Amino acid sequence: MSLKENSSLLPLGATVLKWPEEYRALLALLQKVANGYPQFVPEGADYTLDFEYKKISPGELSVKQVRELPSPGSVQSPTPFLLDEPSAYCVDQDQGMWEDSAIFATHRLKSRWNLQTGNLWLNDTNLTSSFFVGELEYLDGTDIKTLSGPLSGWPCAWQRVSPRFFETGWTIGSSDNRKQATLQASFKPFEAGSEMPVLTLSDYRLQFTTTRGSDPLDAVRLVPSPVVSADQPVESVIVATNGVTVVATVFRATYNPVPGDPTFVAFKETRIEGLTSSPFTLRGYYSQTRGEMRGAHNSWDAFLFEPGLEPGLPPALLEELKAANIRYIQVHDSAQIVVGWHIPQYRITLVGFDGSTRDIN
């Protein structure tokens, strides 16, 4: 048994089941069901089965439903039509993380997108090149850069098509920071025999990835850019230790579908005191990053701040941070939870321009 491809809906490296033992148990369970299915079909008939399974509790799997799929070619799948719906996207800062380091990938991939597609049939002819046209604002080190126009015209562009996703790649960055980037658009296939599907950009799951040489792949989901309303709930996460105080104030969702898991819409501001001769406040998109650490029964906020990306901070204050070797300020609780409800015990970690780390105790 080997792992060929991870789910794009999970953090990089994570699996739905425990690898590999629960997958072996699931395979044995599916094989048992498949061995008993021939009694329901004519002898010698070919068929393809679709399974629905559920993990009831740790170590206990159950096959909930089995159905026979139409044989290939028996029903012709309709060609989807893509309807242009220009939309703005940003990096998802409400996706779960299992490791502290994951927030750095989210931070590195901070970007803002304006995407449109045109109106077209998604047939072989129209999929020979990227159907995306857009504007991309992204981080190149500490510089904010832009690309615009058809993605097929971006540097070293390429595209790949499969039944479930469309992927466009190009290069970004300069000199030693040059990276391979991809935008992957995937959608849930429509069942054969259904009415001709009409798709818009909102029907796709969008993922942005970058990699450089042999470095690990950075991957984030893209979500519609949030709209903050006047009555949006506001909450502050306050962490104070050894004379340093961080107050991260965020907008929460009006409705929380999972009580106990904090939601995130956008930052309002972050105030940091005790690291420089005077307090400073961050309000920019690129200088503040949020993630959601996952435990066994609940989740909690995690934050990463890079003051050097905040527009308008006094040069003297930035020089103070540089002299103190402070590039990033991480607010986190990396507790490894096995069972039980967890109340986060936050700590502040400083990351230097040289990559060194030190906790404020």
Foldseek 3Di string as FASTA:
>chain_A
DDDDDADLQAQPPDHPAPPPVVVVVVVVVVVVVVVPPVVPDPPPDDWDKDWDKDDPDVPDIGTDDIDTADDPPPFDAAFAKEDWDWFKKWFDQEGEDAFPCLLVLSLQFTKIKTKIFHIGTPDPVVLQAGRIFIKMWHDQPLDIDIDGGGLRPAAPWDWDDDPFKIKIWHWDYDDPSIKIKMKIWGADDDGGPDPHHYHYSVRTWIKMWIDDDPRDIRITTMDTQFDDDPPFDKDWDWDDFPQKIKIWIFTFHPDDPQPQETGGRGTCKMWIDRQFPGIDMAGDSSQKGWHWYDADRHIDIKIKGAVSNGPPDDPVRVVSCQVVQFGMKIWDANDHHDDDRDDGDIWIWGAGPVRDIDTRD
